Amino acid sequence: MAKPNYQYEKRQKDIAKKKKQEEKRLRKLEKKNADLNESPGAPAVEPVTPQSN
């Protein structure tokens, strides 16, 4: 009977866990950027033009 390869199983589980965490991090980052771009309370940045005296 074949012996189970626990190290391989653990490595695959860790890879899946890290992939899921990275996807979650990217989703949060996208949501944060979308909220910043669409928030009505944020002051609009207008380009500053130098005035001549």
Protein backbone atom coordinates (compact mmCIF):
# COMPACT_ATOMS: atom_id res chain seq x y z
CA MET A 1 0.00 0.00 0.00
CA ALA A 2 1.25 3.48 -0.87
CA LYS A 3 2.22 5.82 1.91
CA PRO A 4 0.33 9.18 1.96
CA ASN A 5 2.44 12.22 1.08
CA TYR A 6 1.42 14.64 3.79
CA GLN A 7 4.00 17.25 2.81
CA TYR A 8 2.53 17.48 -0.69
CA GLU A 9 -1.00 17.82 0.68
CA LYS A 10 0.08 20.51 3.14
CA ARG A 11 1.92 22.41 0.40
CA GLN A 12 -1.14 22.32 -1.89
CA LYS A 13 -3.35 23.51 0.96
CA ASP A 14 -0.95 26.38 1.73
CA ILE A 15 -0.80 27.40 -1.94
CA ALA A 16 -4.60 27.47 -2.16
CA LYS A 17 -4.81 29.48 1.07
CA LYS A 18 -2.28 32.07 -0.15
CA LYS A 19 -4.06 32.35 -3.51
CA LYS A 20 -7.37 32.99 -1.76
CA GLN A 21 -5.80 35.61 0.52
CA GLU A 22 -4.24 37.39 -2.46
CA GLU A 23 -7.58 37.44 -4.31
CA LYS A 24 -9.26 38.86 -1.22
CA ARG A 25 -6.56 41.52 -0.88
CA LEU A 26 -7.04 42.54 -4.52
CA ARG A 27 -10.84 42.72 -4.11
CA LYS A 28 -10.45 44.96 -1.06
CA LEU A 29 -7.98 47.17 -2.91
CA GLU A 30 -10.33 47.51 -5.90
CA LYS A 31 -13.26 48.31 -3.61
CA LYS A 32 -11.22 50.90 -1.74
CA ASN A 33 -10.16 52.59 -4.99
CA ALA A 34 -13.74 52.56 -6.32
CA ASP A 35 -15.01 54.12 -3.09
CA LEU A 36 -12.38 56.87 -3.24
CA ASN A 37 -13.20 57.69 -6.87
CA GLU A 38 -16.97 57.81 -6.36
CA SER A 39 -17.27 59.37 -2.90
CA PRO A 40 -19.30 62.61 -3.11
CA GLY A 41 -17.79 64.02 0.09
CA ALA A 42 -14.28 64.08 -1.34
CA PRO A 43 -13.13 67.51 -2.50
CA ALA A 44 -12.59 67.77 -6.23
CA VAL A 45 -9.02 68.52 -7.21
CA GLU A 46 -8.86 71.38 -9.68
CA PRO A 47 -5.69 72.21 -11.59
CA VAL A 48 -4.01 75.31 -10.24
CA THR A 49 -3.15 77.96 -12.81
CA PRO A 50 -0.61 80.63 -11.93
CA GLN A 51 -2.01 84.16 -12.00
CA SER A 52 0.02 87.06 -13.40
CA ASN A 53 0.17 90.32 -11.43
